[in-house]
Amino acid sequence: MKIYVGNMSYSTTEAQLRTAFEAFGAVEDVAVINDRDTGRPKGFAFVTMPNAQEATAAINALNEADLGGRNVRVNEARPKEDNRGGGGGGYGGGGGGGRRW
């Protein structure tokens, strides 16, 4: 199960997250998300746990818990929505233009 961890301190490391979640079971992967331009953490991460029961226990125990000085939000990750935009394209409205004689 993929778990979203939000409202994190920018100094929280993957190792700290792994330690916190391993208290509830096996952790397959930890990914702290960084800004692609600055390389700095964005304040959220994803943790993958292979056992759904252990993942649920971790979510219930760690949601709103203090981790690195902040109360983190922990819940099951939702699938990424395709928000690449779309539509648009045209050049709306016609526009008045000069004088009519």
PDB file of N, CA and C in Angstrom:
ATOM      1  N   MET A   1       0.857  -1.175   0.000  1.00  0.00           N
ATOM      2  CA  MET A   1       0.000   0.000   0.000  1.00  0.00           C
ATOM      3  C   MET A   1       0.899   1.232   0.000  1.00  0.00           C
ATOM      4  N   LYS A   2       0.556   2.191  -0.827  1.00  0.00           N
ATOM      5  CA  LYS A   2       1.310   3.437  -0.890  1.00  0.00           C
ATOM      6  C   LYS A   2       0.665   4.441   0.061  1.00  0.00           C
ATOM      7  N   ILE A   3       1.500   5.073   0.883  1.00  0.00           N
ATOM      8  CA  ILE A   3       1.031   5.974   1.935  1.00  0.00           C
ATOM      9  C   ILE A   3       1.579   7.370   1.682  1.00  0.00           C
ATOM     10  N   TYR A   4       0.711   8.357   1.809  1.00  0.00           N
ATOM     11  CA  TYR A   4       1.100   9.764   1.685  1.00  0.00           C
ATOM     12  C   TYR A   4       1.416  10.307   3.071  1.00  0.00           C
ATOM     13  N   VAL A   5       2.529  11.027   3.185  1.00  0.00           N
ATOM     14  CA  VAL A   5       2.907  11.680   4.436  1.00  0.00           C
ATOM     15  C   VAL A   5       3.082  13.163   4.117  1.00  0.00           C
ATOM     16  N   GLY A   6       2.233  14.000   4.676  1.00  0.00           N
ATOM     17  CA  GLY A   6       2.281  15.425   4.381  1.00  0.00           C
ATOM     18  C   GLY A   6       2.516  16.260   5.621  1.00  0.00           C
ATOM     19  N   ASN A   7       2.688  17.549   5.421  1.00  0.00           N
ATOM     20  CA  ASN A   7       2.949  18.516   6.490  1.00  0.00           C
ATOM     21  C   ASN A   7       4.252  18.190   7.226  1.00  0.00           C
ATOM     22  N   MET A   8       5.220  17.654   6.480  1.00  0.00           N
ATOM     23  CA  MET A   8       6.494  17.258   7.086  1.00  0.00           C
ATOM     24  C   MET A   8       7.405  18.460   7.261  1.00  0.00           C
ATOM     25  N   SER A   9       8.290  18.357   8.228  1.00  0.00           N
ATOM     26  CA  SER A   9       9.380  19.314   8.366  1.00  0.00           C
ATOM     27  C   SER A   9      10.286  19.133   7.150  1.00  0.00           C
ATOM     28  N   TYR A  10      10.831  20.225   6.642  1.00  0.00           N
ATOM     29  CA  TYR A  10      11.703  20.130   5.478  1.00  0.00           C
ATOM     30  C   TYR A  10      12.997  19.384   5.786  1.00  0.00           C
ATOM     31  N   SER A  11      13.285  19.197   7.068  1.00  0.00           N
ATOM     32  CA  SER A  11      14.519  18.498   7.441  1.00  0.00           C
ATOM     33  C   SER A  11      14.305  16.997   7.669  1.00  0.00           C
ATOM     34  N   THR A  12      13.075  16.517   7.542  1.00  0.00           N
ATOM     35  CA  THR A  12      12.806  15.094   7.730  1.00  0.00           C
ATOM     36  C   THR A  12      13.460  14.286   6.614  1.00  0.00           C
ATOM     37  N   THR A  13      14.177  13.234   7.003  1.00  0.00           N
ATOM     38  CA  THR A  13      14.906  12.422   6.022  1.00  0.00           C
ATOM     39  C   THR A  13      14.168  11.121   5.728  1.00  0.00           C
ATOM     40  N   GLU A  14      14.583  10.476   4.639  1.00  0.00           N
ATOM     41  CA  GLU A  14      14.025   9.169   4.296  1.00  0.00           C
ATOM     42  C   GLU A  14      14.314   8.168   5.402  1.00  0.00           C
ATOM     43  N   ALA A  15      15.488   8.244   6.006  1.00  0.00           N
ATOM     44  CA  ALA A  15      15.856   7.320   7.092  1.00  0.00           C
ATOM     45  C   ALA A  15      14.930   7.488   8.295  1.00  0.00           C
ATOM     46  N   GLN A  16      14.590   8.725   8.639  1.00  0.00           N
ATOM     47  CA  GLN A  16      13.686   8.963   9.763  1.00  0.00           C
ATOM     48  C   GLN A  16      12.296   8.399   9.473  1.00  0.00           C
ATOM     49  N   LEU A  17      11.819   8.611   8.260  1.00  0.00           N
ATOM     50  CA  LEU A  17      10.512   8.070   7.883  1.00  0.00           C
ATOM     51  C   LEU A  17      10.524   6.550   7.924  1.00  0.00           C
ATOM     52  N   ARG A  18      11.572   5.956   7.368  1.00  0.00           N
ATOM     53  CA  ARG A  18      11.678   4.503   7.344  1.00  0.00           C
ATOM     54  C   ARG A  18      11.633   3.952   8.770  1.00  0.00           C
ATOM     55  N   THR A  19      12.375   4.569   9.675  1.00  0.00           N
ATOM     56  CA  THR A  19      12.394   4.121  11.070  1.00  0.00           C
ATOM     57  C   THR A  19      11.008   4.213  11.701  1.00  0.00           C
ATOM     58  N   ALA A  20      10.312   5.335  11.468  1.00  0.00           N
ATOM     59  CA  ALA A  20       8.981   5.525  12.051  1.00  0.00           C
ATOM     60  C   ALA A  20       8.000   4.474  11.535  1.00  0.00           C
ATOM     61  N   PHE A  21       8.033   4.175  10.237  1.00  0.00           N
ATOM     62  CA  PHE A  21       7.083   3.235   9.657  1.00  0.00           C
ATOM     63  C   PHE A  21       7.467   1.782   9.913  1.00  0.00           C
ATOM     64  N   GLU A  22       8.753   1.486  10.031  1.00  0.00           N
ATOM     65  CA  GLU A  22       9.179   0.109  10.291  1.00  0.00           C
ATOM     66  C   GLU A  22       8.735  -0.383  11.668  1.00  0.00           C
ATOM     67  N   ALA A  23       8.353   0.533  12.547  1.00  0.00           N
ATOM     68  CA  ALA A  23       7.816   0.127  13.846  1.00  0.00           C
ATOM     69  C   ALA A  23       6.504  -0.639  13.674  1.00  0.00           C
ATOM     70  N   PHE A  24       5.884  -0.533  12.483  1.00  0.00           N
ATOM     71  CA  PHE A  24       4.595  -1.182  12.231  1.00  0.00           C
ATOM     72  C   PHE A  24       4.685  -2.325  11.238  1.00  0.00           C
ATOM     73  N   GLY A  25       5.854  -2.506  10.614  1.00  0.00           N
ATOM     74  CA  GLY A  25       6.005  -3.600   9.660  1.00  0.00           C
ATOM     75  C   GLY A  25       7.056  -3.286   8.611  1.00  0.00           C
ATOM     76  N   ALA A  26       7.080  -4.124   7.601  1.00  0.00           N
ATOM     77  CA  ALA A  26       8.071  -3.989   6.530  1.00  0.00           C
ATOM     78  C   ALA A  26       7.805  -2.750   5.686  1.00  0.00           C
ATOM     79  N   VAL A  27       8.873  -2.056   5.328  1.00  0.00           N
ATOM     80  CA  VAL A  27       8.794  -0.890   4.458  1.00  0.00           C
ATOM     81  C   VAL A  27       9.535  -1.222   3.173  1.00  0.00           C
ATOM     82  N   GLU A  28       8.837  -1.110   2.070  1.00  0.00           N
ATOM     83  CA  GLU A  28       9.403  -1.432   0.761  1.00  0.00           C
ATOM     84  C   GLU A  28      10.168  -0.247   0.173  1.00  0.00           C
ATOM     85  N   ASP A  29       9.601   0.969   0.322  1.00  0.00           N
ATOM     86  CA  ASP A  29      10.213   2.134  -0.297  1.00  0.00           C
ATOM     87  C   ASP A  29       9.808   3.396   0.449  1.00  0.00           C
ATOM     88  N   VAL A  30      10.727   4.367   0.473  1.00  0.00           N
ATOM     89  CA  VAL A  30      10.457   5.682   1.048  1.00  0.00           C
ATOM     90  C   VAL A  30      10.958   6.715   0.049  1.00  0.00           C
ATOM     91  N   ALA A  31      10.127   7.695  -0.281  1.00  0.00           N
ATOM     92  CA  ALA A  31      10.529   8.735  -1.227  1.00  0.00           C
ATOM     93  C   ALA A  31      10.101  10.101  -0.711  1.00  0.00           C
ATOM     94  N   VAL A  32      11.080  10.896  -0.273  1.00  0.00           N
ATOM     95  CA  VAL A  32      10.818  12.285   0.086  1.00  0.00           C
ATOM     96  C   VAL A  32      10.828  13.065  -1.230  1.00  0.00           C
ATOM     97  N   ILE A  33       9.783  13.827  -1.484  1.00  0.00           N
ATOM     98  CA  ILE A  33       9.642  14.528  -2.750  1.00  0.00           C
ATOM     99  C   ILE A  33      10.349  15.880  -2.693  1.00  0.00           C
ATOM    100  N   ASN A  34      11.216  16.095  -3.682  1.00  0.00           N
ATOM    101  CA  ASN A  34      11.978  17.341  -3.767  1.00  0.00           C
ATOM    102  C   ASN A  34      11.486  18.191  -4.931  1.00  0.00           C
ATOM    103  N   ASP A  35      11.643  19.504  -4.786  1.00  0.00           N
ATOM    104  CA  ASP A  35      11.310  20.433  -5.853  1.00  0.00           C
ATOM    105  C   ASP A  35      12.298  20.230  -6.998  1.00  0.00           C
ATOM    106  N   ARG A  36      11.806  20.103  -8.202  1.00  0.00           N
ATOM    107  CA  ARG A  36      12.699  19.795  -9.321  1.00  0.00           C
ATOM    108  C   ARG A  36      13.615  20.961  -9.659  1.00  0.00           C
ATOM    109  N   ASP A  37      13.227  22.186  -9.349  1.00  0.00           N
ATOM    110  CA  ASP A  37      14.067  23.342  -9.667  1.00  0.00           C
ATOM    111  C   ASP A  37      15.125  23.613  -8.601  1.00  0.00           C
ATOM    112  N   THR A  38      14.720  23.549  -7.326  1.00  0.00           N
ATOM    113  CA  THR A  38      15.652  23.898  -6.247  1.00  0.00           C
ATOM    114  C   THR A  38      16.327  22.690  -5.619  1.00  0.00           C
ATOM    115  N   GLY A  39      15.718  21.501  -5.776  1.00  0.00           N
ATOM    116  CA  GLY A  39      16.263  20.303  -5.146  1.00  0.00           C
ATOM    117  C   GLY A  39      15.931  20.196  -3.669  1.00  0.00           C
ATOM    118  N   ARG A  40      15.203  21.173  -3.140  1.00  0.00           N
ATOM    119  CA  ARG A  40      14.832  21.149  -1.721  1.00  0.00           C
ATOM    120  C   ARG A  40      13.559  20.334  -1.517  1.00  0.00           C
ATOM    121  N   PRO A  41      13.415  19.729  -0.327  1.00  0.00           N
ATOM    122  CA  PRO A  41      12.191  18.963  -0.033  1.00  0.00           C
ATOM    123  C   PRO A  41      10.954  19.848  -0.111  1.00  0.00           C
ATOM    124  N   LYS A  42       9.846  19.243  -0.575  1.00  0.00           N
ATOM    125  CA  LYS A  42       8.586  19.976  -0.712  1.00  0.00           C
ATOM    126  C   LYS A  42       7.684  19.805   0.505  1.00  0.00           C
ATOM    127  N   GLY A  43       8.096  18.999   1.477  1.00  0.00           N
ATOM    128  CA  GLY A  43       7.299  18.852   2.691  1.00  0.00           C
ATOM    129  C   GLY A  43       6.356  17.666   2.673  1.00  0.00           C
ATOM    130  N   PHE A  44       6.528  16.761   1.704  1.00  0.00           N
ATOM    131  CA  PHE A  44       5.727  15.544   1.719  1.00  0.00           C
ATOM    132  C   PHE A  44       6.532  14.384   1.156  1.00  0.00           C
ATOM    133  N   ALA A  45       6.017  13.182   1.416  1.00  0.00           N
ATOM    134  CA  ALA A  45       6.726  11.973   0.999  1.00  0.00           C
ATOM    135  C   ALA A  45       5.725  10.859   0.762  1.00  0.00           C
ATOM    136  N   PHE A  46       6.231   9.771   0.185  1.00  0.00           N
ATOM    137  CA  PHE A  46       5.441   8.558   0.006  1.00  0.00           C
ATOM    138  C   PHE A  46       6.205   7.392   0.613  1.00  0.00           C
ATOM    139  N   VAL A  47       5.485   6.551   1.327  1.00  0.00           N
ATOM    140  CA  VAL A  47       6.049   5.348   1.921  1.00  0.00           C
ATOM    141  C   VAL A  47       5.246   4.176   1.378  1.00  0.00           C
ATOM    142  N   THR A  48       5.939   3.141   0.917  1.00  0.00           N
ATOM    143  CA  THR A  48       5.259   1.955   0.412  1.00  0.00           C
ATOM    144  C   THR A  48       5.491   0.802   1.374  1.00  0.00           C
ATOM    145  N   MET A  49       4.384   0.215   1.829  1.00  0.00           N
ATOM    146  CA  MET A  49       4.436  -0.955   2.717  1.00  0.00           C
ATOM    147  C   MET A  49       3.698  -2.096   2.020  1.00  0.00           C
ATOM    148  N   PRO A  50       4.336  -3.271   1.896  1.00  0.00           N
ATOM    149  CA  PRO A  50       3.715  -4.366   1.155  1.00  0.00           C
ATOM    150  C   PRO A  50       2.501  -5.005   1.845  1.00  0.00           C
ATOM    151  N   ASN A  51       2.417  -4.903   3.169  1.00  0.00           N
ATOM    152  CA  ASN A  51       1.328  -5.528   3.912  1.00  0.00           C
ATOM    153  C   ASN A  51       0.278  -4.468   4.249  1.00  0.00           C
ATOM    154  N   ALA A  52      -0.938  -4.634   3.728  1.00  0.00           N
ATOM    155  CA  ALA A  52      -1.996  -3.640   3.917  1.00  0.00           C
ATOM    156  C   ALA A  52      -2.388  -3.471   5.385  1.00  0.00           C
ATOM    157  N   GLN A  53      -2.391  -4.558   6.154  1.00  0.00           N
ATOM    158  CA  GLN A  53      -2.746  -4.463   7.575  1.00  0.00           C
ATOM    159  C   GLN A  53      -1.722  -3.640   8.339  1.00  0.00           C
ATOM    160  N   GLU A  54      -0.450  -3.870   8.063  1.00  0.00           N
ATOM    161  CA  GLU A  54       0.613  -3.106   8.724  1.00  0.00           C
ATOM    162  C   GLU A  54       0.562  -1.644   8.290  1.00  0.00           C
ATOM    163  N   ALA A  55       0.278  -1.417   7.024  1.00  0.00           N
ATOM    164  CA  ALA A  55       0.186  -0.048   6.510  1.00  0.00           C
ATOM    165  C   ALA A  55      -0.967   0.696   7.193  1.00  0.00           C
ATOM    166  N   THR A  56      -2.093   0.038   7.339  1.00  0.00           N
ATOM    167  CA  THR A  56      -3.247   0.659   8.000  1.00  0.00           C
ATOM    168  C   THR A  56      -2.922   0.982   9.453  1.00  0.00           C
ATOM    169  N   ALA A  57      -2.221   0.085  10.131  1.00  0.00           N
ATOM    170  CA  ALA A  57      -1.814   0.325  11.522  1.00  0.00           C
ATOM    171  C   ALA A  57      -0.889   1.542  11.593  1.00  0.00           C
ATOM    172  N   ALA A  58       0.033   1.653  10.649  1.00  0.00           N
ATOM    173  CA  ALA A  58       0.956   2.790  10.617  1.00  0.00           C
ATOM    174  C   ALA A  58       0.200   4.096  10.375  1.00  0.00           C
ATOM    175  N   ILE A  59      -0.743   4.070   9.447  1.00  0.00           N
ATOM    176  CA  ILE A  59      -1.551   5.261   9.151  1.00  0.00           C
ATOM    177  C   ILE A  59      -2.298   5.706  10.405  1.00  0.00           C
ATOM    178  N   ASN A  60      -2.958   4.772  11.061  1.00  0.00           N
ATOM    179  CA  ASN A  60      -3.751   5.103  12.243  1.00  0.00           C
ATOM    180  C   ASN A  60      -2.891   5.639  13.381  1.00  0.00           C
ATOM    181  N   ALA A  61      -1.697   5.087  13.544  1.00  0.00           N
ATOM    182  CA  ALA A  61      -0.832   5.500  14.641  1.00  0.00           C
ATOM    183  C   ALA A  61      -0.083   6.804  14.354  1.00  0.00           C
ATOM    184  N   LEU A  62       0.311   7.020  13.110  1.00  0.00           N
ATOM    185  CA  LEU A  62       1.182   8.154  12.801  1.00  0.00           C
ATOM    186  C   LEU A  62       0.458   9.404  12.308  1.00  0.00           C
ATOM    187  N   ASN A  63      -0.817   9.283  11.906  1.00  0.00           N
ATOM    188  CA  ASN A  63      -1.552  10.464  11.465  1.00  0.00           C
ATOM    189  C   ASN A  63      -1.673  11.444  12.627  1.00  0.00           C
ATOM    190  N   GLU A  64      -1.283  12.680  12.387  1.00  0.00           N
ATOM    191  CA  GLU A  64      -1.281  13.760  13.377  1.00  0.00           C
ATOM    192  C   GLU A  64      -0.227  13.576  14.470  1.00  0.00           C
ATOM    193  N   ALA A  65       0.686  12.620  14.300  1.00  0.00           N
ATOM    194  CA  ALA A  65       1.768  12.420  15.268  1.00  0.00           C
ATOM    195  C   ALA A  65       2.890  13.412  14.994  1.00  0.00           C
ATOM    196  N   ASP A  66       3.661  13.723  16.030  1.00  0.00           N
ATOM    197  CA  ASP A  66       4.802  14.622  15.895  1.00  0.00           C
ATOM    198  C   ASP A  66       5.964  13.865  15.275  1.00  0.00           C
ATOM    199  N   LEU A  67       6.416  14.349  14.146  1.00  0.00           N
ATOM    200  CA  LEU A  67       7.576  13.763  13.476  1.00  0.00           C
ATOM    201  C   LEU A  67       8.465  14.920  13.035  1.00  0.00           C
ATOM    202  N   GLY A  68       9.615  15.044  13.655  1.00  0.00           N
ATOM    203  CA  GLY A  68      10.522  16.133  13.315  1.00  0.00           C
ATOM    204  C   GLY A  68      10.000  17.504  13.710  1.00  0.00           C
ATOM    205  N   GLY A  69       9.174  17.554  14.753  1.00  0.00           N
ATOM    206  CA  GLY A  69       8.663  18.834  15.231  1.00  0.00           C
ATOM    207  C   GLY A  69       7.383  19.313  14.565  1.00  0.00           C
ATOM    208  N   ARG A  70       6.801  18.490  13.698  1.00  0.00           N
ATOM    209  CA  ARG A  70       5.539  18.860  13.041  1.00  0.00           C
ATOM    210  C   ARG A  70       4.553  17.699  13.149  1.00  0.00           C
ATOM    211  N   ASN A  71       3.281  18.036  13.243  1.00  0.00           N
ATOM    212  CA  ASN A  71       2.249  17.001  13.235  1.00  0.00           C
ATOM    213  C   ASN A  71       1.968  16.636  11.789  1.00  0.00           C
ATOM    214  N   VAL A  72       2.398  15.452  11.400  1.00  0.00           N
ATOM    215  CA  VAL A  72       2.282  15.035  10.006  1.00  0.00           C
ATOM    216  C   VAL A  72       0.888  14.496   9.709  1.00  0.00           C
ATOM    217  N   ARG A  73       0.501  14.582   8.456  1.00  0.00           N
ATOM    218  CA  ARG A  73      -0.750  13.989   7.972  1.00  0.00           C
ATOM    219  C   ARG A  73      -0.363  12.709   7.246  1.00  0.00           C
ATOM    220  N   VAL A  74      -0.993  11.631   7.628  1.00  0.00           N
ATOM    221  CA  VAL A  74      -0.667  10.333   7.036  1.00  0.00           C
ATOM    222  C   VAL A  74      -1.956   9.667   6.594  1.00  0.00           C
ATOM    223  N   ASN A  75      -2.031   9.304   5.309  1.00  0.00           N
ATOM    224  CA  ASN A  75      -3.196   8.582   4.805  1.00  0.00           C
ATOM    225  C   ASN A  75      -2.807   7.793   3.569  1.00  0.00           C
ATOM    226  N   GLU A  76      -3.723   6.959   3.127  1.00  0.00           N
ATOM    227  CA  GLU A  76      -3.464   6.179   1.924  1.00  0.00           C
ATOM    228  C   GLU A  76      -3.342   7.126   0.739  1.00  0.00           C
ATOM    229  N   ALA A  77      -2.312   6.917  -0.061  1.00  0.00           N
ATOM    230  CA  ALA A  77      -2.090   7.778  -1.218  1.00  0.00           C
ATOM    231  C   ALA A  77      -3.186   7.546  -2.248  1.00  0.00           C
ATOM    232  N   ARG A  78      -3.631   8.619  -2.862  1.00  0.00           N
ATOM    233  CA  ARG A  78      -4.613   8.528  -3.935  1.00  0.00           C
ATOM    234  C   ARG A  78      -3.873   8.520  -5.259  1.00  0.00           C
ATOM    235  N   PRO A  79      -4.435   7.884  -6.261  1.00  0.00           N
ATOM    236  CA  PRO A  79      -3.781   7.883  -7.579  1.00  0.00           C
ATOM    237  C   PRO A  79      -3.620   9.309  -8.097  1.00  0.00           C
ATOM    238  N   LYS A  80      -2.520   9.552  -8.763  1.00  0.00           N
ATOM    239  CA  LYS A  80      -2.256  10.868  -9.320  1.00  0.00           C
ATOM    240  C   LYS A  80      -3.273  11.144 -10.423  1.00  0.00           C
ATOM    241  N   GLU A  81      -3.872  12.340 -10.350  1.00  0.00           N
ATOM    242  CA  GLU A  81      -4.836  12.723 -11.379  1.00  0.00           C
ATOM    243  C   GLU A  81      -4.098  13.311 -12.568  1.00  0.00           C
ATOM    244  N   ASP A  82      -4.647  13.094 -13.733  1.00  0.00           N
ATOM    245  CA  ASP A  82      -4.057  13.661 -14.935  1.00  0.00           C
ATOM    246  C   ASP A  82      -4.534  15.103 -15.044  1.00  0.00           C
ATOM    247  N   ASN A  83      -3.689  16.031 -14.612  1.00  0.00           N
ATOM    248  CA  ASN A  83      -4.086  17.432 -14.653  1.00  0.00           C
ATOM    249  C   ASN A  83      -3.157  18.227 -15.561  1.00  0.00           C
ATOM    250  N   ARG A  84      -2.883  17.652 -16.711  1.00  0.00           N
ATOM    251  CA  ARG A  84      -2.028  18.334 -17.677  1.00  0.00           C
ATOM    252  C   ARG A  84      -2.759  19.440 -18.406  1.00  0.00           C
ATOM    253  N   GLY A  85      -3.956  19.710 -18.017  1.00  0.00           N
ATOM    254  CA  GLY A  85      -4.700  20.751 -18.707  1.00  0.00           C
ATOM    255  C   GLY A  85      -5.246  20.220 -20.004  1.00  0.00           C
ATOM    256  N   GLY A  86      -5.625  21.050 -20.830  1.00  0.00           N
ATOM    257  CA  GLY A  86      -6.167  20.616 -22.098  1.00  0.00           C
ATOM    258  C   GLY A  86      -7.105  21.670 -22.587  1.00  0.00           C
ATOM    259  N   GLY A  87      -7.750  21.378 -23.611  1.00  0.00           N
ATOM    260  CA  GLY A  87      -8.685  22.349 -24.142  1.00  0.00           C
ATOM    261  C   GLY A  87      -7.972  23.629 -24.526  1.00  0.00           C
ATOM    262  N   GLY A  88      -8.623  24.678 -24.414  1.00  0.00           N
ATOM    263  CA  GLY A  88      -8.005  25.950 -24.773  1.00  0.00           C
ATOM    264  C   GLY A  88      -7.853  26.031 -26.275  1.00  0.00           C
ATOM    265  N   GLY A  89      -6.726  26.317 -26.700  1.00  0.00           N
ATOM    266  CA  GLY A  89      -6.448  26.277 -28.109  1.00  0.00           C
ATOM    267  C   GLY A  89      -6.980  27.438 -28.907  1.00  0.00           C
ATOM    268  N   GLY A  90      -8.203  27.691 -28.918  1.00  0.00           N
ATOM    269  CA  GLY A  90      -8.756  28.701 -29.816  1.00  0.00           C
ATOM    270  C   GLY A  90      -8.375  30.117 -29.428  1.00  0.00           C
ATOM    271  N   TYR A  91      -8.726  31.018 -30.255  1.00  0.00           N
ATOM    272  CA  TYR A  91      -8.500  32.432 -29.975  1.00  0.00           C
ATOM    273  C   TYR A  91      -9.867  33.071 -29.868  1.00  0.00           C
ATOM    274  N   GLY A  92     -10.402  33.129 -28.692  1.00  0.00           N
ATOM    275  CA  GLY A  92     -11.776  33.550 -28.498  1.00  0.00           C
ATOM    276  C   GLY A  92     -12.110  34.921 -29.022  1.00  0.00           C
ATOM    277  N   GLY A  93     -13.292  35.240 -28.950  1.00  0.00           N
ATOM    278  CA  GLY A  93     -13.925  36.497 -29.197  1.00  0.00           C
ATOM    279  C   GLY A  93     -13.498  37.312 -30.382  1.00  0.00           C
ATOM    280  N   GLY A  94     -14.056  37.737 -31.081  1.00  0.00           N
ATOM    281  CA  GLY A  94     -13.771  38.576 -32.233  1.00  0.00           C
ATOM    282  C   GLY A  94     -13.461  39.961 -31.975  1.00  0.00           C
ATOM    283  N   GLY A  95     -13.351  40.658 -31.971  1.00  0.00           N
ATOM    284  CA  GLY A  95     -12.958  41.905 -31.506  1.00  0.00           C
ATOM    285  C   GLY A  95     -13.229  43.075 -32.268  1.00  0.00           C
ATOM    286  N   GLY A  96     -13.888  43.861 -32.088  1.00  0.00           N
ATOM    287  CA  GLY A  96     -14.278  45.102 -32.660  1.00  0.00           C
ATOM    288  C   GLY A  96     -13.414  45.667 -33.739  1.00  0.00           C
ATOM    289  N   GLY A  97     -12.396  46.159 -33.594  1.00  0.00           N
ATOM    290  CA  GLY A  97     -11.625  46.671 -34.696  1.00  0.00           C
ATOM    291  C   GLY A  97     -12.002  48.112 -35.011  1.00  0.00           C
ATOM    292  N   GLY A  98     -11.559  48.600 -36.073  1.00  0.00           N
ATOM    293  CA  GLY A  98     -11.618  50.017 -36.442  1.00  0.00           C
ATOM    294  C   GLY A  98     -13.002  50.632 -36.514  1.00  0.00           C
ATOM    295  N   ARG A  99     -13.043  51.778 -37.104  1.00  0.00           N
ATOM    296  CA  ARG A  99     -14.285  52.545 -37.208  1.00  0.00           C
ATOM    297  C   ARG A  99     -15.075  52.138 -38.414  1.00  0.00           C
ATOM    298  N   ARG A 100     -16.350  52.349 -38.333  1.00  0.00           N
ATOM    299  CA  ARG A 100     -17.194  52.088 -39.500  1.00  0.00           C
ATOM    300  C   ARG A 100     -17.686  53.416 -40.008  1.00  0.00           C
ATOM    301  N   TRP A 101     -17.567  53.627 -41.233  1.00  0.00           N
ATOM    302  CA  TRP A 101     -18.038  54.883 -41.847  1.00  0.00           C
ATOM    303  C   TRP A 101     -19.267  54.652 -42.605  1.00  0.00           C
TER     304      TRP A 101
END
